Amino acid sequence: MNDIGSISNDVVRLFERLAGWLGLGANTAPTLAVLFFEKYRTGRMLSSEELSRRTGYSRAGTGMVLAELLDAGVVYRQKDPDQTGRGRKRILYAVNGDFATLFVLGIKRMTESLRSMRDQITELLNSSPNEGGLLRMLRDLHRRVCEGIECLERLPKLPPDN
């Protein structure tokens, strides 16, 4: 990282863990850290050029990271309302919500993964020969995955940060 400012490596590592929770690559952590830091520091949105400079990523690298964060719903973008004149408007990026939003996204991702696993186990149960040990194992796994889904679905919704 080039000019990540006041954000320490320990904070970036913390954001790497957060990115992992969301199913994102570790390379998204510096950008995510800078966007959150800016949200709390000034509330400003940042351009991809600013993010490139502050993370040390190339413009192409920053674009790939932003695409991943946008796809995950972690950040949003808008045209720069202060930019006047002709030509292409600069795009600005910011964190979509707060930390509670990220935790909810992580829980949704985990629930989707468990549902996919449940469906795969169901297919195996329907197509597997009636072998005692295998069938018992698959039924137990299916039951535990369903319990995990139910547990995640019962979690209270987190209130947004103030």
N, C-alpha and C. Protein backbone atom coordinates (compact mmCIF):
# COMPACT_ATOMS: atom_id res chain seq x y z
N MET A 1 0.82 -1.18 0.00
CA MET A 1 0.00 0.00 0.00
C MET A 1 0.87 1.24 0.00
N ASN A 2 0.41 2.24 -0.68
CA ASN A 2 1.19 3.43 -0.90
C ASN A 2 0.90 4.49 0.15
N ASP A 3 -0.24 5.13 0.08
CA ASP A 3 -0.57 6.25 0.95
C ASP A 3 -1.89 5.99 1.65
N ILE A 4 -1.95 4.94 2.45
CA ILE A 4 -3.21 4.59 3.10
C ILE A 4 -3.44 5.45 4.34
N GLY A 5 -2.58 6.42 4.54
CA GLY A 5 -2.78 7.42 5.58
C GLY A 5 -2.67 6.86 6.97
N SER A 6 -3.65 7.17 7.78
CA SER A 6 -3.64 6.81 9.19
C SER A 6 -4.08 5.38 9.45
N ILE A 7 -4.35 4.64 8.41
CA ILE A 7 -4.84 3.27 8.60
C ILE A 7 -3.66 2.33 8.72
N SER A 8 -3.55 1.68 9.86
CA SER A 8 -2.41 0.80 10.12
C SER A 8 -2.61 -0.55 9.44
N ASN A 9 -1.51 -1.31 9.36
CA ASN A 9 -1.59 -2.66 8.80
C ASN A 9 -2.51 -3.55 9.63
N ASP A 10 -2.54 -3.33 10.96
CA ASP A 10 -3.44 -4.12 11.81
C ASP A 10 -4.89 -3.87 11.45
N VAL A 11 -5.24 -2.63 11.13
CA VAL A 11 -6.61 -2.30 10.74
C VAL A 11 -6.92 -2.94 9.39
N VAL A 12 -5.98 -2.89 8.48
CA VAL A 12 -6.20 -3.52 7.17
C VAL A 12 -6.39 -5.02 7.34
N ARG A 13 -5.62 -5.65 8.23
CA ARG A 13 -5.81 -7.09 8.49
C ARG A 13 -7.19 -7.37 9.06
N LEU A 14 -7.67 -6.48 9.90
CA LEU A 14 -9.03 -6.62 10.42
C LEU A 14 -10.04 -6.56 9.29
N PHE A 15 -9.83 -5.65 8.34
CA PHE A 15 -10.72 -5.56 7.19
C PHE A 15 -10.57 -6.77 6.26
N GLU A 16 -9.41 -7.40 6.25
CA GLU A 16 -9.25 -8.65 5.49
C GLU A 16 -10.16 -9.73 6.06
N ARG A 17 -10.26 -9.78 7.39
CA ARG A 17 -11.15 -10.75 8.03
C ARG A 17 -12.60 -10.43 7.71
N LEU A 18 -12.94 -9.15 7.73
CA LEU A 18 -14.29 -8.73 7.39
C LEU A 18 -14.62 -9.08 5.94
N ALA A 19 -13.67 -8.85 5.05
CA ALA A 19 -13.86 -9.20 3.64
C ALA A 19 -14.09 -10.70 3.49
N GLY A 20 -13.31 -11.50 4.22
CA GLY A 20 -13.48 -12.95 4.18
C GLY A 20 -14.87 -13.37 4.65
N TRP A 21 -15.36 -12.73 5.70
CA TRP A 21 -16.70 -12.99 6.22
C TRP A 21 -17.75 -12.75 5.14
N LEU A 22 -17.49 -11.76 4.30
CA LEU A 22 -18.43 -11.41 3.23
C LEU A 22 -18.21 -12.23 1.96
N GLY A 23 -17.19 -13.08 1.97
CA GLY A 23 -16.89 -13.87 0.79
C GLY A 23 -16.13 -13.10 -0.27
N LEU A 24 -15.47 -12.03 0.15
CA LEU A 24 -14.69 -11.20 -0.77
C LEU A 24 -13.22 -11.54 -0.66
N GLY A 25 -12.46 -11.21 -1.69
CA GLY A 25 -11.03 -11.44 -1.68
C GLY A 25 -10.33 -10.50 -0.70
N ALA A 26 -9.20 -10.95 -0.17
CA ALA A 26 -8.42 -10.13 0.76
C ALA A 26 -7.95 -8.83 0.12
N ASN A 27 -7.83 -8.82 -1.22
CA ASN A 27 -7.37 -7.60 -1.90
C ASN A 27 -8.40 -6.47 -1.83
N THR A 28 -9.62 -6.76 -1.39
CA THR A 28 -10.63 -5.71 -1.24
C THR A 28 -10.45 -4.95 0.08
N ALA A 29 -9.70 -5.52 1.02
CA ALA A 29 -9.59 -4.94 2.37
C ALA A 29 -9.04 -3.51 2.40
N PRO A 30 -7.95 -3.20 1.71
CA PRO A 30 -7.47 -1.82 1.78
C PRO A 30 -8.48 -0.80 1.27
N THR A 31 -9.17 -1.12 0.18
CA THR A 31 -10.17 -0.21 -0.37
C THR A 31 -11.34 -0.07 0.60
N LEU A 32 -11.77 -1.17 1.16
CA LEU A 32 -12.85 -1.14 2.13
C LEU A 32 -12.46 -0.32 3.36
N ALA A 33 -11.23 -0.51 3.84
CA ALA A 33 -10.74 0.25 4.99
C ALA A 33 -10.71 1.74 4.69
N VAL A 34 -10.22 2.12 3.53
CA VAL A 34 -10.14 3.54 3.15
C VAL A 34 -11.55 4.13 3.06
N LEU A 35 -12.48 3.40 2.45
CA LEU A 35 -13.85 3.92 2.31
C LEU A 35 -14.53 4.09 3.67
N PHE A 36 -14.34 3.12 4.58
CA PHE A 36 -14.92 3.26 5.91
C PHE A 36 -14.25 4.41 6.68
N PHE A 37 -12.94 4.48 6.58
CA PHE A 37 -12.22 5.54 7.28
C PHE A 37 -12.71 6.91 6.81
N GLU A 38 -12.88 7.05 5.50
CA GLU A 38 -13.35 8.32 4.95
C GLU A 38 -14.78 8.61 5.38
N LYS A 39 -15.60 7.58 5.47
CA LYS A 39 -16.98 7.76 5.93
C LYS A 39 -16.99 8.35 7.33
N TYR A 40 -16.17 7.80 8.21
CA TYR A 40 -16.15 8.27 9.60
C TYR A 40 -15.38 9.58 9.76
N ARG A 41 -14.40 9.81 8.90
CA ARG A 41 -13.58 11.02 9.01
C ARG A 41 -14.28 12.25 8.44
N THR A 42 -14.76 12.13 7.19
CA THR A 42 -15.32 13.31 6.52
C THR A 42 -16.73 13.08 5.95
N GLY A 43 -17.10 11.82 5.76
CA GLY A 43 -18.39 11.53 5.13
C GLY A 43 -18.37 11.67 3.62
N ARG A 44 -17.19 11.97 3.04
CA ARG A 44 -17.07 12.15 1.59
C ARG A 44 -17.05 10.83 0.85
N MET A 45 -17.51 10.91 -0.39
CA MET A 45 -17.34 9.79 -1.32
C MET A 45 -16.00 9.99 -2.01
N LEU A 46 -15.40 8.90 -2.50
CA LEU A 46 -14.09 8.98 -3.14
C LEU A 46 -14.15 8.47 -4.58
N SER A 47 -13.34 9.07 -5.42
CA SER A 47 -13.24 8.62 -6.81
C SER A 47 -12.30 7.42 -6.89
N SER A 48 -12.35 6.71 -7.99
CA SER A 48 -11.45 5.57 -8.18
C SER A 48 -10.00 6.05 -8.22
N GLU A 49 -9.76 7.27 -8.73
CA GLU A 49 -8.41 7.81 -8.76
C GLU A 49 -7.89 8.03 -7.34
N GLU A 50 -8.75 8.58 -6.47
CA GLU A 50 -8.35 8.79 -5.07
C GLU A 50 -8.09 7.45 -4.38
N LEU A 51 -8.93 6.48 -4.65
CA LEU A 51 -8.75 5.16 -4.04
C LEU A 51 -7.46 4.51 -4.53
N SER A 52 -7.15 4.66 -5.81
CA SER A 52 -5.89 4.13 -6.36
C SER A 52 -4.70 4.74 -5.64
N ARG A 53 -4.74 6.05 -5.50
CA ARG A 53 -3.62 6.75 -4.85
C ARG A 53 -3.48 6.32 -3.39
N ARG A 54 -4.58 6.20 -2.69
CA ARG A 54 -4.53 5.92 -1.26
C ARG A 54 -4.25 4.47 -0.93
N THR A 55 -4.56 3.55 -1.84
CA THR A 55 -4.28 2.14 -1.58
C THR A 55 -2.99 1.67 -2.24
N GLY A 56 -2.53 2.42 -3.25
CA GLY A 56 -1.35 1.98 -3.99
C GLY A 56 -1.67 1.02 -5.11
N TYR A 57 -2.96 0.73 -5.32
CA TYR A 57 -3.36 -0.15 -6.41
C TYR A 57 -3.34 0.62 -7.73
N SER A 58 -3.13 -0.10 -8.81
CA SER A 58 -3.25 0.52 -10.13
C SER A 58 -4.71 0.87 -10.38
N ARG A 59 -4.96 1.67 -11.40
CA ARG A 59 -6.36 2.00 -11.73
C ARG A 59 -7.14 0.74 -12.11
N ALA A 60 -6.48 -0.15 -12.85
CA ALA A 60 -7.15 -1.39 -13.24
C ALA A 60 -7.45 -2.24 -12.01
N GLY A 61 -6.48 -2.34 -11.11
CA GLY A 61 -6.68 -3.10 -9.88
C GLY A 61 -7.79 -2.52 -9.03
N THR A 62 -7.81 -1.20 -8.93
CA THR A 62 -8.87 -0.53 -8.17
C THR A 62 -10.22 -0.79 -8.82
N GLY A 63 -10.27 -0.74 -10.14
CA GLY A 63 -11.52 -1.01 -10.85
C GLY A 63 -12.03 -2.42 -10.58
N MET A 64 -11.12 -3.40 -10.55
CA MET A 64 -11.52 -4.79 -10.27
C MET A 64 -12.05 -4.92 -8.84
N VAL A 65 -11.36 -4.28 -7.89
CA VAL A 65 -11.80 -4.33 -6.50
C VAL A 65 -13.17 -3.67 -6.35
N LEU A 66 -13.34 -2.50 -6.96
CA LEU A 66 -14.62 -1.80 -6.88
C LEU A 66 -15.75 -2.62 -7.50
N ALA A 67 -15.47 -3.30 -8.59
CA ALA A 67 -16.49 -4.14 -9.22
C ALA A 67 -16.92 -5.26 -8.26
N GLU A 68 -15.96 -5.85 -7.57
CA GLU A 68 -16.27 -6.91 -6.61
C GLU A 68 -17.10 -6.35 -5.44
N LEU A 69 -16.72 -5.19 -4.94
CA LEU A 69 -17.45 -4.57 -3.83
C LEU A 69 -18.85 -4.14 -4.25
N LEU A 70 -18.98 -3.64 -5.48
CA LEU A 70 -20.30 -3.27 -6.00
C LEU A 70 -21.20 -4.50 -6.16
N ASP A 71 -20.64 -5.57 -6.73
CA ASP A 71 -21.41 -6.81 -6.92
C ASP A 71 -21.91 -7.37 -5.60
N ALA A 72 -21.12 -7.21 -4.55
CA ALA A 72 -21.49 -7.74 -3.23
C ALA A 72 -22.46 -6.81 -2.51
N GLY A 73 -22.68 -5.61 -3.04
CA GLY A 73 -23.57 -4.67 -2.39
C GLY A 73 -22.93 -3.93 -1.23
N VAL A 74 -21.61 -3.97 -1.14
CA VAL A 74 -20.89 -3.35 -0.03
C VAL A 74 -20.67 -1.86 -0.26
N VAL A 75 -20.51 -1.47 -1.52
CA VAL A 75 -20.34 -0.05 -1.84
C VAL A 75 -21.39 0.34 -2.89
N TYR A 76 -21.58 1.63 -3.03
CA TYR A 76 -22.43 2.15 -4.09
C TYR A 76 -21.67 3.27 -4.79
N ARG A 77 -22.18 3.66 -5.94
CA ARG A 77 -21.51 4.71 -6.71
C ARG A 77 -22.55 5.71 -7.19
N GLN A 78 -22.05 6.90 -7.48
CA GLN A 78 -22.90 7.93 -8.08
C GLN A 78 -22.01 8.90 -8.83
N LYS A 79 -22.62 9.60 -9.77
CA LYS A 79 -21.88 10.63 -10.50
C LYS A 79 -21.61 11.79 -9.55
N ASP A 80 -20.47 12.42 -9.75
CA ASP A 80 -20.08 13.56 -8.91
C ASP A 80 -21.03 14.72 -9.17
N PRO A 81 -21.87 15.09 -8.18
CA PRO A 81 -22.83 16.17 -8.40
C PRO A 81 -22.17 17.55 -8.50
N ASP A 82 -20.94 17.67 -8.00
CA ASP A 82 -20.25 18.96 -8.02
C ASP A 82 -19.49 19.22 -9.31
N GLN A 83 -19.34 18.18 -10.11
CA GLN A 83 -18.59 18.33 -11.36
C GLN A 83 -19.50 18.95 -12.42
N THR A 84 -19.04 20.04 -12.98
CA THR A 84 -19.83 20.72 -14.00
C THR A 84 -19.09 20.66 -15.33
N GLY A 85 -19.77 21.06 -16.35
CA GLY A 85 -19.14 21.08 -17.66
C GLY A 85 -19.48 19.87 -18.47
N ARG A 86 -18.85 19.82 -19.61
CA ARG A 86 -19.11 18.73 -20.55
C ARG A 86 -18.17 17.58 -20.28
N GLY A 87 -18.48 16.49 -20.89
CA GLY A 87 -17.62 15.32 -20.76
C GLY A 87 -18.17 14.33 -19.75
N ARG A 88 -17.44 13.27 -19.64
CA ARG A 88 -17.86 12.20 -18.76
C ARG A 88 -17.73 12.63 -17.30
N LYS A 89 -18.77 12.37 -16.53
CA LYS A 89 -18.78 12.74 -15.12
C LYS A 89 -17.96 11.73 -14.31
N ARG A 90 -17.25 12.27 -13.34
CA ARG A 90 -16.47 11.44 -12.43
C ARG A 90 -17.43 10.63 -11.57
N ILE A 91 -17.08 9.38 -11.31
CA ILE A 91 -17.88 8.50 -10.47
C ILE A 91 -17.26 8.47 -9.08
N LEU A 92 -18.12 8.58 -8.06
CA LEU A 92 -17.68 8.55 -6.68
C LEU A 92 -18.22 7.30 -6.00
N TYR A 93 -17.47 6.80 -5.02
CA TYR A 93 -17.81 5.56 -4.34
C TYR A 93 -17.87 5.78 -2.83
N ALA A 94 -18.76 5.05 -2.18
CA ALA A 94 -18.87 5.09 -0.72
C ALA A 94 -19.38 3.75 -0.21
N VAL A 95 -19.19 3.53 1.07
CA VAL A 95 -19.69 2.32 1.72
C VAL A 95 -21.22 2.39 1.73
N ASN A 96 -21.83 1.26 1.43
CA ASN A 96 -23.29 1.15 1.40
C ASN A 96 -23.77 0.75 2.80
N GLY A 97 -24.11 1.73 3.61
CA GLY A 97 -24.58 1.44 4.95
C GLY A 97 -23.48 1.57 5.98
N ASP A 98 -23.50 0.64 6.93
CA ASP A 98 -22.56 0.70 8.04
C ASP A 98 -22.09 -0.72 8.36
N PHE A 99 -21.48 -0.89 9.52
CA PHE A 99 -20.98 -2.21 9.88
C PHE A 99 -22.12 -3.21 10.05
N ALA A 100 -23.25 -2.77 10.58
CA ALA A 100 -24.40 -3.67 10.72
C ALA A 100 -24.83 -4.20 9.35
N THR A 101 -24.81 -3.34 8.35
CA THR A 101 -25.15 -3.75 6.98
C THR A 101 -24.21 -4.86 6.51
N LEU A 102 -22.92 -4.71 6.80
CA LEU A 102 -21.95 -5.73 6.39
C LEU A 102 -22.19 -7.05 7.10
N PHE A 103 -22.53 -6.99 8.38
CA PHE A 103 -22.80 -8.23 9.11
C PHE A 103 -24.03 -8.93 8.56
N VAL A 104 -25.06 -8.16 8.23
CA VAL A 104 -26.26 -8.74 7.64
C VAL A 104 -25.92 -9.38 6.29
N LEU A 105 -25.10 -8.70 5.47
CA LEU A 105 -24.68 -9.28 4.19
C LEU A 105 -23.92 -10.59 4.40
N GLY A 106 -23.06 -10.63 5.42
CA GLY A 106 -22.32 -11.86 5.72
C GLY A 106 -23.24 -12.99 6.14
N ILE A 107 -24.24 -12.68 6.95
CA ILE A 107 -25.21 -13.70 7.39
C ILE A 107 -26.02 -14.20 6.20
N LYS A 108 -26.42 -13.29 5.31
CA LYS A 108 -27.15 -13.71 4.11
C LYS A 108 -26.29 -14.63 3.25
N ARG A 109 -25.01 -14.28 3.09
CA ARG A 109 -24.10 -15.10 2.31
C ARG A 109 -23.96 -16.49 2.91
N MET A 110 -23.83 -16.55 4.23
CA MET A 110 -23.69 -17.83 4.90
C MET A 110 -24.97 -18.66 4.76
N THR A 111 -26.12 -18.02 4.87
CA THR A 111 -27.40 -18.70 4.71
C THR A 111 -27.54 -19.27 3.30
N GLU A 112 -27.16 -18.48 2.30
CA GLU A 112 -27.21 -18.95 0.92
C GLU A 112 -26.30 -20.15 0.70
N SER A 113 -25.12 -20.12 1.30
CA SER A 113 -24.19 -21.25 1.18
C SER A 113 -24.77 -22.50 1.81
N LEU A 114 -25.39 -22.35 2.98
CA LEU A 114 -26.01 -23.51 3.63
C LEU A 114 -27.19 -24.04 2.83
N ARG A 115 -27.97 -23.15 2.23
CA ARG A 115 -29.10 -23.61 1.40
C ARG A 115 -28.60 -24.40 0.19
N SER A 116 -27.54 -23.93 -0.41
CA SER A 116 -26.94 -24.64 -1.54
C SER A 116 -26.45 -26.02 -1.10
N MET A 117 -25.81 -26.06 0.07
CA MET A 117 -25.33 -27.34 0.60
C MET A 117 -26.50 -28.28 0.90
N ARG A 118 -27.58 -27.74 1.47
CA ARG A 118 -28.78 -28.54 1.76
C ARG A 118 -29.34 -29.15 0.48
N ASP A 119 -29.41 -28.34 -0.58
CA ASP A 119 -29.93 -28.84 -1.85
C ASP A 119 -29.06 -29.94 -2.43
N GLN A 120 -27.75 -29.78 -2.30
CA GLN A 120 -26.83 -30.81 -2.80
C GLN A 120 -26.97 -32.10 -1.99
N ILE A 121 -27.13 -31.98 -0.68
CA ILE A 121 -27.30 -33.16 0.17
C ILE A 121 -28.62 -33.85 -0.17
N THR A 122 -29.67 -33.07 -0.42
CA THR A 122 -30.97 -33.64 -0.80
C THR A 122 -30.84 -34.45 -2.08
N GLU A 123 -30.13 -33.91 -3.06
CA GLU A 123 -29.89 -34.66 -4.31
C GLU A 123 -29.16 -35.96 -4.03
N LEU A 124 -28.16 -35.91 -3.16
CA LEU A 124 -27.41 -37.12 -2.82
C LEU A 124 -28.31 -38.13 -2.11
N LEU A 125 -29.16 -37.66 -1.22
CA LEU A 125 -30.09 -38.56 -0.52
C LEU A 125 -31.03 -39.24 -1.50
N ASN A 126 -31.48 -38.50 -2.51
CA ASN A 126 -32.42 -39.05 -3.49
C ASN A 126 -31.75 -40.00 -4.48
N SER A 127 -30.45 -39.86 -4.66
CA SER A 127 -29.78 -40.68 -5.68
C SER A 127 -28.84 -41.73 -5.10
N SER A 128 -28.58 -41.69 -3.82
CA SER A 128 -27.62 -42.63 -3.22
C SER A 128 -28.25 -43.98 -2.98
N PRO A 129 -27.46 -45.03 -3.15
CA PRO A 129 -27.96 -46.36 -2.81
C PRO A 129 -28.21 -46.43 -1.29
N ASN A 130 -29.05 -47.31 -0.90
CA ASN A 130 -29.44 -47.43 0.50
C ASN A 130 -28.34 -48.11 1.31
N GLU A 131 -27.20 -47.45 1.42
CA GLU A 131 -26.10 -47.96 2.24
C GLU A 131 -26.25 -47.36 3.62
N GLY A 132 -26.36 -48.20 4.61
CA GLY A 132 -26.65 -47.77 5.98
C GLY A 132 -25.82 -46.60 6.48
N GLY A 133 -24.50 -46.74 6.47
CA GLY A 133 -23.63 -45.70 7.03
C GLY A 133 -23.69 -44.41 6.25
N LEU A 134 -23.65 -44.51 4.93
CA LEU A 134 -23.69 -43.32 4.08
C LEU A 134 -25.02 -42.60 4.24
N LEU A 135 -26.10 -43.36 4.23
CA LEU A 135 -27.43 -42.76 4.35
C LEU A 135 -27.60 -42.07 5.70
N ARG A 136 -27.17 -42.72 6.77
CA ARG A 136 -27.26 -42.11 8.10
C ARG A 136 -26.43 -40.83 8.17
N MET A 137 -25.23 -40.87 7.59
CA MET A 137 -24.36 -39.69 7.60
C MET A 137 -25.01 -38.53 6.85
N LEU A 138 -25.55 -38.81 5.65
CA LEU A 138 -26.18 -37.76 4.85
C LEU A 138 -27.42 -37.19 5.54
N ARG A 139 -28.21 -38.05 6.17
CA ARG A 139 -29.40 -37.57 6.89
C ARG A 139 -29.00 -36.68 8.06
N ASP A 140 -27.97 -37.10 8.80
CA ASP A 140 -27.51 -36.29 9.93
C ASP A 140 -26.97 -34.96 9.45
N LEU A 141 -26.18 -34.97 8.38
CA LEU A 141 -25.64 -33.74 7.82
C LEU A 141 -26.77 -32.82 7.35
N HIS A 142 -27.76 -33.40 6.67
CA HIS A 142 -28.91 -32.64 6.19
C HIS A 142 -29.64 -31.98 7.35
N ARG A 143 -29.86 -32.73 8.41
CA ARG A 143 -30.56 -32.20 9.59
C ARG A 143 -29.77 -31.04 10.21
N ARG A 144 -28.45 -31.21 10.33
CA ARG A 144 -27.62 -30.16 10.94
C ARG A 144 -27.56 -28.91 10.06
N VAL A 145 -27.49 -29.08 8.76
CA VAL A 145 -27.47 -27.92 7.86
C VAL A 145 -28.80 -27.18 7.94
N CYS A 146 -29.92 -27.93 7.98
CA CYS A 146 -31.23 -27.29 8.11
C CYS A 146 -31.34 -26.54 9.43
N GLU A 147 -30.80 -27.11 10.50
CA GLU A 147 -30.80 -26.42 11.80
C GLU A 147 -29.97 -25.13 11.73
N GLY A 148 -28.86 -25.18 11.03
CA GLY A 148 -28.03 -23.99 10.86
C GLY A 148 -28.76 -22.90 10.11
N ILE A 149 -29.48 -23.28 9.06
CA ILE A 149 -30.27 -22.30 8.29
C ILE A 149 -31.34 -21.68 9.18
N GLU A 150 -32.05 -22.52 9.91
CA GLU A 150 -33.10 -22.00 10.81
C GLU A 150 -32.52 -21.06 11.85
N CYS A 151 -31.37 -21.40 12.39
CA CYS A 151 -30.72 -20.57 13.39
C CYS A 151 -30.37 -19.20 12.81
N LEU A 152 -29.78 -19.18 11.62
CA LEU A 152 -29.42 -17.91 10.98
C LEU A 152 -30.64 -17.09 10.64
N GLU A 153 -31.72 -17.75 10.23
CA GLU A 153 -32.94 -17.02 9.86
C GLU A 153 -33.64 -16.43 11.08
N ARG A 154 -33.39 -16.99 12.27
CA ARG A 154 -34.00 -16.46 13.50
C ARG A 154 -33.22 -15.31 14.11
N LEU A 155 -32.04 -15.04 13.61
CA LEU A 155 -31.24 -13.95 14.17
C LEU A 155 -31.98 -12.63 14.04
N PRO A 156 -31.95 -11.82 15.08
CA PRO A 156 -32.61 -10.50 14.96
C PRO A 156 -31.86 -9.63 13.97
N LYS A 157 -32.59 -8.76 13.35
CA LYS A 157 -31.97 -7.82 12.41
C LYS A 157 -31.21 -6.78 13.21
N LEU A 158 -30.00 -6.48 12.77
CA LEU A 158 -29.17 -5.51 13.47
C LEU A 158 -29.64 -4.10 13.14
N PRO A 159 -29.75 -3.24 14.15
CA PRO A 159 -30.11 -1.85 13.85
C PRO A 159 -28.93 -1.13 13.22
N PRO A 160 -29.18 -0.13 12.38
CA PRO A 160 -28.06 0.62 11.78
C PRO A 160 -27.32 1.44 12.83
N ASP A 161 -26.04 1.68 12.58
CA ASP A 161 -25.24 2.53 13.46
C ASP A 161 -25.78 3.95 13.41
N ASN A 162 -25.55 4.67 14.47
CA ASN A 162 -25.93 6.09 14.49
C ASN A 162 -24.74 6.96 14.31
